[in-house]
Amino acid sequence: MRCDVAQPADLNRALAGIDAAFFLVHGMGSGDGSYTGAEQHTARAVREEAGACGGTRMVLLGGVERG
């Protein structure tokens, strides 16, 4: 299944009826250098939608932050 994690309708369709979600998405390829904030926003959106769809667990693949 294809899912654009930045699109709420895609998230709802992809996460409907789940028990757990694995967030293996990163924004490092966005090219604008601000991937950290965008990645945090997207991870929160996935977490919230997963919970709304019945998910009780989320596994997050940590990203790398410049600094």
N, C-alpha and C. Protein backbone atom coordinates (compact mmCIF):
# COMPACT_ATOMS: atom_id res chain seq x y z
N MET A 1 0.83 -1.16 0.00
CA MET A 1 0.00 0.00 0.00
C MET A 1 0.89 1.24 0.00
N ARG A 2 0.54 2.19 -0.82
CA ARG A 2 1.25 3.46 -0.85
C ARG A 2 0.56 4.42 0.10
N CYS A 3 1.37 5.21 0.78
CA CYS A 3 0.83 6.16 1.74
C CYS A 3 1.75 7.37 1.81
N ASP A 4 1.18 8.53 1.64
CA ASP A 4 1.91 9.78 1.85
C ASP A 4 1.64 10.18 3.29
N VAL A 5 2.63 10.03 4.15
CA VAL A 5 2.41 10.27 5.58
C VAL A 5 2.11 11.73 5.89
N ALA A 6 2.26 12.60 4.92
CA ALA A 6 1.92 14.01 5.11
C ALA A 6 0.46 14.29 4.78
N GLN A 7 -0.27 13.28 4.31
CA GLN A 7 -1.67 13.44 3.93
C GLN A 7 -2.57 12.69 4.91
N PRO A 8 -3.37 13.42 5.71
CA PRO A 8 -4.23 12.76 6.71
C PRO A 8 -5.13 11.66 6.14
N ALA A 9 -5.68 11.85 4.96
CA ALA A 9 -6.56 10.82 4.38
C ALA A 9 -5.79 9.54 4.08
N ASP A 10 -4.55 9.67 3.62
CA ASP A 10 -3.72 8.49 3.38
C ASP A 10 -3.41 7.77 4.68
N LEU A 11 -3.10 8.54 5.73
CA LEU A 11 -2.80 7.93 7.03
C LEU A 11 -3.98 7.14 7.55
N ASN A 12 -5.16 7.74 7.47
CA ASN A 12 -6.36 7.06 7.96
C ASN A 12 -6.58 5.76 7.23
N ARG A 13 -6.43 5.77 5.92
CA ARG A 13 -6.64 4.57 5.10
C ARG A 13 -5.58 3.52 5.42
N ALA A 14 -4.34 3.93 5.58
CA ALA A 14 -3.24 2.99 5.82
C ALA A 14 -3.27 2.40 7.22
N LEU A 15 -3.77 3.15 8.20
CA LEU A 15 -3.69 2.73 9.59
C LEU A 15 -4.98 2.14 10.14
N ALA A 16 -6.02 2.13 9.35
CA ALA A 16 -7.32 1.62 9.82
C ALA A 16 -7.19 0.17 10.31
N GLY A 17 -7.62 -0.06 11.54
CA GLY A 17 -7.67 -1.41 12.10
C GLY A 17 -6.34 -1.98 12.57
N ILE A 18 -5.33 -1.14 12.74
CA ILE A 18 -4.01 -1.66 13.13
C ILE A 18 -3.92 -1.91 14.63
N ASP A 19 -2.93 -2.70 15.01
CA ASP A 19 -2.57 -2.88 16.41
C ASP A 19 -1.29 -2.10 16.73
N ALA A 20 -0.39 -2.06 15.76
CA ALA A 20 0.90 -1.39 15.94
C ALA A 20 1.32 -0.75 14.63
N ALA A 21 2.15 0.29 14.76
CA ALA A 21 2.69 0.97 13.58
C ALA A 21 4.20 1.04 13.69
N PHE A 22 4.88 0.85 12.60
CA PHE A 22 6.33 1.00 12.53
C PHE A 22 6.60 2.24 11.68
N PHE A 23 7.19 3.25 12.28
CA PHE A 23 7.48 4.50 11.58
C PHE A 23 8.92 4.44 11.11
N LEU A 24 9.09 4.10 9.85
CA LEU A 24 10.43 3.95 9.26
C LEU A 24 10.61 4.99 8.16
N VAL A 25 10.20 6.19 8.45
CA VAL A 25 10.20 7.28 7.48
C VAL A 25 11.16 8.35 7.98
N HIS A 26 11.90 8.94 7.08
CA HIS A 26 12.73 10.08 7.48
C HIS A 26 12.66 11.14 6.40
N GLY A 27 12.95 12.36 6.78
CA GLY A 27 12.86 13.48 5.86
C GLY A 27 14.19 14.02 5.41
N MET A 28 15.26 13.25 5.58
CA MET A 28 16.58 13.74 5.24
C MET A 28 16.74 14.02 3.76
N GLY A 29 15.93 13.42 2.91
CA GLY A 29 16.05 13.62 1.47
C GLY A 29 15.28 14.81 0.97
N SER A 30 14.67 15.59 1.87
CA SER A 30 13.86 16.72 1.44
C SER A 30 14.68 17.81 0.78
N GLY A 31 15.97 17.88 1.11
CA GLY A 31 16.86 18.81 0.44
C GLY A 31 16.86 20.23 0.98
N ASP A 32 15.95 20.56 1.89
CA ASP A 32 15.92 21.93 2.36
C ASP A 32 16.61 22.13 3.71
N GLY A 33 17.13 21.07 4.30
CA GLY A 33 17.87 21.17 5.54
C GLY A 33 17.03 21.28 6.80
N SER A 34 15.72 21.34 6.67
CA SER A 34 14.87 21.48 7.85
C SER A 34 14.11 20.19 8.13
N TYR A 35 14.73 19.08 7.84
CA TYR A 35 14.03 17.79 7.95
C TYR A 35 13.68 17.43 9.38
N THR A 36 14.42 17.90 10.37
CA THR A 36 14.18 17.51 11.75
C THR A 36 12.78 17.91 12.20
N GLY A 37 12.41 19.15 12.01
CA GLY A 37 11.08 19.62 12.41
C GLY A 37 9.98 18.93 11.64
N ALA A 38 10.18 18.77 10.34
CA ALA A 38 9.17 18.09 9.51
C ALA A 38 9.02 16.64 9.93
N GLU A 39 10.13 15.99 10.26
CA GLU A 39 10.08 14.59 10.68
C GLU A 39 9.35 14.45 12.01
N GLN A 40 9.58 15.36 12.94
CA GLN A 40 8.89 15.33 14.22
C GLN A 40 7.39 15.54 14.02
N HIS A 41 7.03 16.48 13.20
CA HIS A 41 5.62 16.76 12.92
C HIS A 41 4.93 15.52 12.32
N THR A 42 5.58 14.90 11.36
CA THR A 42 5.01 13.73 10.70
C THR A 42 4.89 12.56 11.67
N ALA A 43 5.91 12.34 12.49
CA ALA A 43 5.86 11.25 13.47
C ALA A 43 4.71 11.45 14.45
N ARG A 44 4.49 12.68 14.88
CA ARG A 44 3.37 12.96 15.79
C ARG A 44 2.03 12.70 15.10
N ALA A 45 1.93 13.12 13.83
CA ALA A 45 0.68 12.90 13.09
C ALA A 45 0.39 11.41 12.93
N VAL A 46 1.42 10.63 12.64
CA VAL A 46 1.25 9.18 12.51
C VAL A 46 0.85 8.59 13.85
N ARG A 47 1.51 9.01 14.93
CA ARG A 47 1.17 8.51 16.27
C ARG A 47 -0.29 8.81 16.62
N GLU A 48 -0.72 10.03 16.38
CA GLU A 48 -2.09 10.41 16.71
C GLU A 48 -3.11 9.62 15.88
N GLU A 49 -2.85 9.48 14.58
CA GLU A 49 -3.79 8.75 13.73
C GLU A 49 -3.77 7.26 14.06
N ALA A 50 -2.60 6.71 14.36
CA ALA A 50 -2.52 5.30 14.74
C ALA A 50 -3.34 5.05 16.00
N GLY A 51 -3.25 5.94 16.97
CA GLY A 51 -4.04 5.80 18.19
C GLY A 51 -5.53 5.90 17.91
N ALA A 52 -5.91 6.83 17.04
CA ALA A 52 -7.32 6.99 16.68
C ALA A 52 -7.86 5.77 15.94
N CYS A 53 -6.96 5.05 15.28
CA CYS A 53 -7.37 3.85 14.52
C CYS A 53 -7.28 2.58 15.36
N GLY A 54 -6.96 2.71 16.65
CA GLY A 54 -6.92 1.55 17.52
C GLY A 54 -5.53 1.02 17.82
N GLY A 55 -4.52 1.64 17.29
CA GLY A 55 -3.16 1.19 17.54
C GLY A 55 -2.75 1.45 18.98
N THR A 56 -2.03 0.52 19.56
CA THR A 56 -1.58 0.66 20.94
C THR A 56 -0.07 0.77 21.07
N ARG A 57 0.64 0.55 19.97
CA ARG A 57 2.10 0.63 19.99
C ARG A 57 2.61 1.28 18.70
N MET A 58 3.73 2.02 18.85
CA MET A 58 4.38 2.59 17.69
C MET A 58 5.87 2.43 17.86
N VAL A 59 6.51 1.89 16.85
CA VAL A 59 7.96 1.73 16.85
C VAL A 59 8.51 2.79 15.93
N LEU A 60 9.42 3.62 16.44
CA LEU A 60 9.97 4.74 15.69
C LEU A 60 11.44 4.49 15.40
N LEU A 61 11.79 4.54 14.12
CA LEU A 61 13.19 4.47 13.73
C LEU A 61 13.75 5.86 13.91
N GLY A 62 14.68 6.00 14.84
CA GLY A 62 15.26 7.32 15.13
C GLY A 62 16.06 7.85 13.97
N GLY A 63 16.02 9.14 13.82
CA GLY A 63 16.77 9.81 12.76
C GLY A 63 18.03 10.44 13.30
N VAL A 64 18.76 11.01 12.40
CA VAL A 64 20.01 11.68 12.74
C VAL A 64 19.74 13.19 12.72
N GLU A 65 20.22 13.87 13.71
CA GLU A 65 20.05 15.33 13.74
C GLU A 65 21.42 15.98 13.67
N ARG A 66 21.54 16.95 12.79
CA ARG A 66 22.80 17.67 12.70
C ARG A 66 23.02 18.47 13.98
N GLY A 67 24.23 18.64 14.35
CA GLY A 67 24.45 19.46 15.52
C GLY A 67 25.78 19.24 16.03
